[in-house]
């Protein structure tokens, strides 16, 4: 499986309407691209315990994880017009953002990640 992981910090001055437009564009992309196998959206949780939380330099308030069967599915999503629409909102609304793609396996398949390193 391929996971498309996005961390997103919206510009603080965005109105509620603008935030809803971002969500609608994202929902449209996730629902209209057949290659999308799963979607999870989250908002950052703060626990206040000492450690890594204080070491984070950027505050990415939101997370999106989209799952694809394979690399071809991810490419189909990234090239789809619905993704382009979401991307326009995303780019104009972000104070900071990161997007990375990962091969994801179950714990029993971890050695596959090592053997894939030479193919990455």
Foldseek 3Di string as FASTA:
>chain_A
DKKKKKFFDFDPPDDPVLVVQLVVLVVCLQVVQVQFDDKDKDADDDDPDDDDVVVDPDHRGMMMITDGPDPVSVVSSCPDPSVVSSVVSRVVTGPDMDIDMDDDDDPVCVVVVVVCVVVD
